Amino acid sequence: MMLLKIKPSITFGLAIAAIVFFTAGDQFLPEPMKSWSYNLRTSTTGFISGIFDPSGKLDPNKTHREQLEQI
C-alpha cells in the first residue's frame, strides 16, 4: 500500500528533473551532461521553429506549382 503513495511522487520528481535538465542543465551540470542538455534544447528549438516558420519554407502547394510551371 505504501508503494502506491510513493509512485506519484517519484513520477513528479522525474518530471521536474527532466524540465530542469532541459531548461537550465547546461548552467550547472558537469561536462558530458552539460553538452547533452544544450544540444537537446537547441535541436528542439530548431525543430519547433522549423514547424512554425513564417518565411514560407513549408509550402504545401510547391510541388503543384512546379508541375504547372513544367506544363
PDB file of N, CA and C in Angstrom:
ATOM      1  N   MET A   1       0.816  -1.182   0.000  1.00  0.00           N
ATOM      2  CA  MET A   1       0.000   0.000   0.000  1.00  0.00           C
ATOM      3  C   MET A   1       0.867   1.257   0.000  1.00  0.00           C
ATOM      4  N   MET A   2       1.996   1.217   0.688  1.00  0.00           N
ATOM      5  CA  MET A   2       2.874   2.384   0.752  1.00  0.00           C
ATOM      6  C   MET A   2       3.508   2.676  -0.612  1.00  0.00           C
ATOM      7  N   LEU A   3       3.708   1.648  -1.434  1.00  0.00           N
ATOM      8  CA  LEU A   3       4.310   1.819  -2.748  1.00  0.00           C
ATOM      9  C   LEU A   3       3.426   2.679  -3.648  1.00  0.00           C
ATOM     10  N   LEU A   4       2.129   2.566  -3.517  1.00  0.00           N
ATOM     11  CA  LEU A   4       1.225   3.359  -4.334  1.00  0.00           C
ATOM     12  C   LEU A   4       1.298   4.843  -3.996  1.00  0.00           C
ATOM     13  N   LYS A   5       1.622   5.179  -2.762  1.00  0.00           N
ATOM     14  CA  LYS A   5       1.743   6.580  -2.386  1.00  0.00           C
ATOM     15  C   LYS A   5       3.086   7.167  -2.805  1.00  0.00           C
ATOM     16  N   ILE A   6       4.093   6.338  -2.940  1.00  0.00           N
ATOM     17  CA  ILE A   6       5.416   6.813  -3.322  1.00  0.00           C
ATOM     18  C   ILE A   6       5.501   7.007  -4.834  1.00  0.00           C
ATOM     19  N   LYS A   7       4.824   6.214  -5.596  1.00  0.00           N
ATOM     20  CA  LYS A   7       4.951   6.228  -7.046  1.00  0.00           C
ATOM     21  C   LYS A   7       4.609   7.584  -7.675  1.00  0.00           C
ATOM     22  N   PRO A   8       3.531   8.271  -7.321  1.00  0.00           N
ATOM     23  CA  PRO A   8       3.279   9.589  -7.920  1.00  0.00           C
ATOM     24  C   PRO A   8       4.353  10.613  -7.574  1.00  0.00           C
ATOM     25  N   SER A   9       4.920  10.525  -6.390  1.00  0.00           N
ATOM     26  CA  SER A   9       5.960  11.481  -6.028  1.00  0.00           C
ATOM     27  C   SER A   9       7.232  11.234  -6.836  1.00  0.00           C
ATOM     28  N   ILE A  10       7.526   9.976  -7.121  1.00  0.00           N
ATOM     29  CA  ILE A  10       8.684   9.674  -7.958  1.00  0.00           C
ATOM     30  C   ILE A  10       8.450  10.174  -9.373  1.00  0.00           C
ATOM     31  N   THR A  11       7.251   9.980  -9.892  1.00  0.00           N
ATOM     32  CA  THR A  11       6.920  10.467 -11.228  1.00  0.00           C
ATOM     33  C   THR A  11       7.013  11.983 -11.292  1.00  0.00           C
ATOM     34  N   PHE A  12       6.519  12.659 -10.285  1.00  0.00           N
ATOM     35  CA  PHE A  12       6.597  14.110 -10.235  1.00  0.00           C
ATOM     36  C   PHE A  12       8.049  14.571 -10.156  1.00  0.00           C
ATOM     37  N   GLY A  13       8.839  13.895  -9.368  1.00  0.00           N
ATOM     38  CA  GLY A  13      10.257  14.241  -9.242  1.00  0.00           C
ATOM     39  C   GLY A  13      11.012  14.060 -10.548  1.00  0.00           C
ATOM     40  N   LEU A  14      10.725  12.982 -11.256  1.00  0.00           N
ATOM     41  CA  LEU A  14      11.367  12.764 -12.552  1.00  0.00           C
ATOM     42  C   LEU A  14      10.938  13.815 -13.573  1.00  0.00           C
ATOM     43  N   ALA A  15       9.679  14.218 -13.534  1.00  0.00           N
ATOM     44  CA  ALA A  15       9.203  15.254 -14.449  1.00  0.00           C
ATOM     45  C   ALA A  15       9.894  16.584 -14.167  1.00  0.00           C
ATOM     46  N   ILE A  16      10.037  16.928 -12.895  1.00  0.00           N
ATOM     47  CA  ILE A  16      10.730  18.171 -12.532  1.00  0.00           C
ATOM     48  C   ILE A  16      12.199  18.101 -12.938  1.00  0.00           C
ATOM     49  N   ALA A  17      12.839  16.952 -12.718  1.00  0.00           N
ATOM     50  CA  ALA A  17      14.241  16.792 -13.104  1.00  0.00           C
ATOM     51  C   ALA A  17      14.416  16.918 -14.623  1.00  0.00           C
ATOM     52  N   ALA A  18      13.491  16.372 -15.391  1.00  0.00           N
ATOM     53  CA  ALA A  18      13.570  16.476 -16.854  1.00  0.00           C
ATOM     54  C   ALA A  18      13.392  17.919 -17.312  1.00  0.00           C
ATOM     55  N   ILE A  19      12.487  18.648 -16.682  1.00  0.00           N
ATOM     56  CA  ILE A  19      12.271  20.052 -17.045  1.00  0.00           C
ATOM     57  C   ILE A  19      13.506  20.885 -16.713  1.00  0.00           C
ATOM     58  N   VAL A  20      14.097  20.647 -15.550  1.00  0.00           N
ATOM     59  CA  VAL A  20      15.309  21.387 -15.162  1.00  0.00           C
ATOM     60  C   VAL A  20      16.463  21.025 -16.088  1.00  0.00           C
ATOM     61  N   PHE A  21      16.599  19.753 -16.455  1.00  0.00           N
ATOM     62  CA  PHE A  21      17.655  19.329 -17.382  1.00  0.00           C
ATOM     63  C   PHE A  21      17.493  20.012 -18.729  1.00  0.00           C
ATOM     64  N   PHE A  22      16.260  20.112 -19.198  1.00  0.00           N
ATOM     65  CA  PHE A  22      16.000  20.707 -20.500  1.00  0.00           C
ATOM     66  C   PHE A  22      16.217  22.218 -20.487  1.00  0.00           C
ATOM     67  N   THR A  23      15.770  22.888 -19.439  1.00  0.00           N
ATOM     68  CA  THR A  23      15.804  24.345 -19.442  1.00  0.00           C
ATOM     69  C   THR A  23      17.127  24.936 -18.972  1.00  0.00           C
ATOM     70  N   ALA A  24      17.748  24.369 -17.953  1.00  0.00           N
ATOM     71  CA  ALA A  24      18.933  25.008 -17.374  1.00  0.00           C
ATOM     72  C   ALA A  24      20.038  24.026 -17.049  1.00  0.00           C
ATOM     73  N   GLY A  25      20.051  22.872 -17.665  1.00  0.00           N
ATOM     74  CA  GLY A  25      21.066  21.875 -17.336  1.00  0.00           C
ATOM     75  C   GLY A  25      22.468  22.289 -17.722  1.00  0.00           C
ATOM     76  N   ASP A  26      22.622  23.084 -18.762  1.00  0.00           N
ATOM     77  CA  ASP A  26      23.959  23.488 -19.177  1.00  0.00           C
ATOM     78  C   ASP A  26      24.546  24.576 -18.289  1.00  0.00           C
ATOM     79  N   GLN A  27      23.800  25.065 -17.341  1.00  0.00           N
ATOM     80  CA  GLN A  27      24.307  26.100 -16.442  1.00  0.00           C
ATOM     81  C   GLN A  27      25.072  25.529 -15.255  1.00  0.00           C
ATOM     82  N   PHE A  28      24.726  24.316 -14.808  1.00  0.00           N
ATOM     83  CA  PHE A  28      25.333  23.824 -13.572  1.00  0.00           C
ATOM     84  C   PHE A  28      25.768  22.361 -13.616  1.00  0.00           C
ATOM     85  N   LEU A  29      25.422  21.612 -14.625  1.00  0.00           N
ATOM     86  CA  LEU A  29      25.801  20.195 -14.677  1.00  0.00           C
ATOM     87  C   LEU A  29      27.236  20.027 -15.147  1.00  0.00           C
ATOM     88  N   PRO A  30      27.875  18.880 -14.831  1.00  0.00           N
ATOM     89  CA  PRO A  30      29.222  18.625 -15.342  1.00  0.00           C
ATOM     90  C   PRO A  30      29.212  18.402 -16.857  1.00  0.00           C
ATOM     91  N   GLU A  31      30.363  18.348 -17.455  1.00  0.00           N
ATOM     92  CA  GLU A  31      30.527  18.452 -18.896  1.00  0.00           C
ATOM     93  C   GLU A  31      29.751  17.442 -19.748  1.00  0.00           C
ATOM     94  N   PRO A  32      29.760  16.158 -19.539  1.00  0.00           N
ATOM     95  CA  PRO A  32      29.013  15.348 -20.515  1.00  0.00           C
ATOM     96  C   PRO A  32      27.525  15.683 -20.521  1.00  0.00           C
ATOM     97  N   MET A  33      26.939  15.911 -19.365  1.00  0.00           N
ATOM     98  CA  MET A  33      25.512  16.221 -19.318  1.00  0.00           C
ATOM     99  C   MET A  33      25.234  17.662 -19.715  1.00  0.00           C
ATOM    100  N   LYS A  34      26.211  18.537 -19.530  1.00  0.00           N
ATOM    101  CA  LYS A  34      26.059  19.937 -19.924  1.00  0.00           C
ATOM    102  C   LYS A  34      25.855  20.036 -21.430  1.00  0.00           C
ATOM    103  N   SER A  35      26.674  19.344 -22.191  1.00  0.00           N
ATOM    104  CA  SER A  35      26.540  19.399 -23.648  1.00  0.00           C
ATOM    105  C   SER A  35      25.283  18.677 -24.114  1.00  0.00           C
ATOM    106  N   TRP A  36      24.874  17.614 -23.446  1.00  0.00           N
ATOM    107  CA  TRP A  36      23.633  16.928 -23.810  1.00  0.00           C
ATOM    108  C   TRP A  36      22.434  17.850 -23.635  1.00  0.00           C
ATOM    109  N   SER A  37      22.419  18.563 -22.524  1.00  0.00           N
ATOM    110  CA  SER A  37      21.318  19.467 -22.252  1.00  0.00           C
ATOM    111  C   SER A  37      21.265  20.583 -23.291  1.00  0.00           C
ATOM    112  N   TYR A  38      22.416  21.166 -23.595  1.00  0.00           N
ATOM    113  CA  TYR A  38      22.465  22.242 -24.581  1.00  0.00           C
ATOM    114  C   TYR A  38      22.036  21.746 -25.957  1.00  0.00           C
ATOM    115  N   ASN A  39      22.551  20.588 -26.380  1.00  0.00           N
ATOM    116  CA  ASN A  39      22.199  20.046 -27.697  1.00  0.00           C
ATOM    117  C   ASN A  39      20.720  19.692 -27.784  1.00  0.00           C
ATOM    118  N   LEU A  40      20.170  19.143 -26.712  1.00  0.00           N
ATOM    119  CA  LEU A  40      18.754  18.805 -26.697  1.00  0.00           C
ATOM    120  C   LEU A  40      17.895  20.053 -26.838  1.00  0.00           C
ATOM    121  N   ARG A  41      18.244  21.095 -26.097  1.00  0.00           N
ATOM    122  CA  ARG A  41      17.461  22.325 -26.139  1.00  0.00           C
ATOM    123  C   ARG A  41      17.573  23.009 -27.502  1.00  0.00           C
ATOM    124  N   THR A  42      18.767  23.089 -28.064  1.00  0.00           N
ATOM    125  CA  THR A  42      18.918  23.770 -29.347  1.00  0.00           C
ATOM    126  C   THR A  42      18.275  22.991 -30.489  1.00  0.00           C
ATOM    127  N   SER A  43      18.369  21.668 -30.463  1.00  0.00           N
ATOM    128  CA  SER A  43      17.733  20.891 -31.528  1.00  0.00           C
ATOM    129  C   SER A  43      16.215  20.940 -31.424  1.00  0.00           C
ATOM    130  N   THR A  44      15.693  20.936 -30.211  1.00  0.00           N
ATOM    131  CA  THR A  44      14.247  21.038 -30.033  1.00  0.00           C
ATOM    132  C   THR A  44      13.746  22.408 -30.457  1.00  0.00           C
ATOM    133  N   THR A  45      14.484  23.443 -30.111  1.00  0.00           N
ATOM    134  CA  THR A  45      14.105  24.792 -30.522  1.00  0.00           C
ATOM    135  C   THR A  45      14.140  24.929 -32.033  1.00  0.00           C
ATOM    136  N   GLY A  46      15.158  24.379 -32.667  1.00  0.00           N
ATOM    137  CA  GLY A  46      15.246  24.410 -34.129  1.00  0.00           C
ATOM    138  C   GLY A  46      14.119  23.645 -34.785  1.00  0.00           C
ATOM    139  N   PHE A  47      13.755  22.513 -34.218  1.00  0.00           N
ATOM    140  CA  PHE A  47      12.659  21.715 -34.780  1.00  0.00           C
ATOM    141  C   PHE A  47      11.334  22.458 -34.674  1.00  0.00           C
ATOM    142  N   ILE A  48      11.068  23.041 -33.502  1.00  0.00           N
ATOM    143  CA  ILE A  48       9.804  23.745 -33.307  1.00  0.00           C
ATOM    144  C   ILE A  48       9.743  25.008 -34.163  1.00  0.00           C
ATOM    145  N   SER A  49      10.845  25.735 -34.265  1.00  0.00           N
ATOM    146  CA  SER A  49      10.830  26.931 -35.107  1.00  0.00           C
ATOM    147  C   SER A  49      10.733  26.559 -36.581  1.00  0.00           C
ATOM    148  N   GLY A  50      11.197  25.380 -36.961  1.00  0.00           N
ATOM    149  CA  GLY A  50      11.045  24.921 -38.340  1.00  0.00           C
ATOM    150  C   GLY A  50       9.605  24.583 -38.677  1.00  0.00           C
ATOM    151  N   ILE A  51       8.861  24.112 -37.698  1.00  0.00           N
ATOM    152  CA  ILE A  51       7.451  23.797 -37.925  1.00  0.00           C
ATOM    153  C   ILE A  51       6.642  25.065 -38.105  1.00  0.00           C
ATOM    154  N   PHE A  52       6.901  26.052 -37.276  1.00  0.00           N
ATOM    155  CA  PHE A  52       6.141  27.291 -37.314  1.00  0.00           C
ATOM    156  C   PHE A  52       6.913  28.392 -38.027  1.00  0.00           C
ATOM    157  N   ASP A  53       7.507  28.080 -39.159  1.00  0.00           N
ATOM    158  CA  ASP A  53       8.337  29.026 -39.887  1.00  0.00           C
ATOM    159  C   ASP A  53       7.465  30.006 -40.680  1.00  0.00           C
ATOM    160  N   PRO A  54       7.518  31.294 -40.369  1.00  0.00           N
ATOM    161  CA  PRO A  54       6.683  32.254 -41.082  1.00  0.00           C
ATOM    162  C   PRO A  54       7.230  32.664 -42.443  1.00  0.00           C
ATOM    163  N   SER A  55       8.431  32.256 -42.806  1.00  0.00           N
ATOM    164  CA  SER A  55       9.018  32.706 -44.066  1.00  0.00           C
ATOM    165  C   SER A  55       8.455  31.969 -45.275  1.00  0.00           C
ATOM    166  N   GLY A  56       7.661  30.960 -45.065  1.00  0.00           N
ATOM    167  CA  GLY A  56       7.040  30.252 -46.172  1.00  0.00           C
ATOM    168  C   GLY A  56       7.862  29.098 -46.704  1.00  0.00           C
ATOM    169  N   LYS A  57       8.805  28.595 -45.936  1.00  0.00           N
ATOM    170  CA  LYS A  57       9.588  27.457 -46.392  1.00  0.00           C
ATOM    171  C   LYS A  57       8.718  26.210 -46.532  1.00  0.00           C
ATOM    172  N   LEU A  58       7.723  26.125 -45.697  1.00  0.00           N
ATOM    173  CA  LEU A  58       6.834  24.967 -45.746  1.00  0.00           C
ATOM    174  C   LEU A  58       5.619  25.310 -46.610  1.00  0.00           C
ATOM    175  N   ASP A  59       5.763  25.164 -47.902  1.00  0.00           N
ATOM    176  CA  ASP A  59       4.690  25.491 -48.834  1.00  0.00           C
ATOM    177  C   ASP A  59       4.057  24.191 -49.320  1.00  0.00           C
ATOM    178  N   PRO A  60       2.827  23.908 -48.927  1.00  0.00           N
ATOM    179  CA  PRO A  60       2.209  22.644 -49.341  1.00  0.00           C
ATOM    180  C   PRO A  60       1.889  22.595 -50.835  1.00  0.00           C
ATOM    181  N   ASN A  61       1.810  23.730 -51.487  1.00  0.00           N
ATOM    182  CA  ASN A  61       1.469  23.758 -52.908  1.00  0.00           C
ATOM    183  C   ASN A  61       2.689  23.865 -53.805  1.00  0.00           C
ATOM    184  N   LYS A  62       3.863  23.714 -53.246  1.00  0.00           N
ATOM    185  CA  LYS A  62       5.090  23.888 -54.020  1.00  0.00           C
ATOM    186  C   LYS A  62       5.201  22.868 -55.149  1.00  0.00           C
ATOM    187  N   THR A  63       4.921  21.613 -54.869  1.00  0.00           N
ATOM    188  CA  THR A  63       5.028  20.594 -55.907  1.00  0.00           C
ATOM    189  C   THR A  63       3.999  20.818 -57.009  1.00  0.00           C
ATOM    190  N   HIS A  64       2.810  21.254 -56.650  1.00  0.00           N
ATOM    191  CA  HIS A  64       1.781  21.507 -57.659  1.00  0.00           C
ATOM    192  C   HIS A  64       2.157  22.687 -58.537  1.00  0.00           C
ATOM    193  N   ARG A  65       2.727  23.709 -57.944  1.00  0.00           N
ATOM    194  CA  ARG A  65       3.170  24.870 -58.732  1.00  0.00           C
ATOM    195  C   ARG A  65       4.288  24.481 -59.698  1.00  0.00           C
ATOM    196  N   GLU A  66       5.226  23.666 -59.233  1.00  0.00           N
ATOM    197  CA  GLU A  66       6.304  23.225 -60.102  1.00  0.00           C
ATOM    198  C   GLU A  66       5.783  22.400 -61.256  1.00  0.00           C
ATOM    199  N   GLN A  67       4.795  21.562 -60.988  1.00  0.00           N
ATOM    200  CA  GLN A  67       4.206  20.753 -62.063  1.00  0.00           C
ATOM    201  C   GLN A  67       3.471  21.643 -63.064  1.00  0.00           C
ATOM    202  N   LEU A  68       2.780  22.668 -62.584  1.00  0.00           N
ATOM    203  CA  LEU A  68       2.085  23.577 -63.501  1.00  0.00           C
ATOM    204  C   LEU A  68       3.056  24.391 -64.330  1.00  0.00           C
ATOM    205  N   GLU A  69       4.184  24.783 -63.751  1.00  0.00           N
ATOM    206  CA  GLU A  69       5.177  25.532 -64.495  1.00  0.00           C
ATOM    207  C   GLU A  69       5.828  24.672 -65.575  1.00  0.00           C
ATOM    208  N   GLN A  70       5.972  23.382 -65.310  1.00  0.00           N
ATOM    209  CA  GLN A  70       6.552  22.488 -66.309  1.00  0.00           C
ATOM    210  C   GLN A  70       5.600  22.280 -67.485  1.00  0.00           C
ATOM    211  N   ILE A  71       4.302  22.325 -67.197  1.00  0.00           N
ATOM    212  CA  ILE A  71       3.305  22.136 -68.268  1.00  0.00           C
ATOM    213  C   ILE A  71       3.261  23.400 -69.104  1.00  0.00           C
TER     214      ILE A  71
END
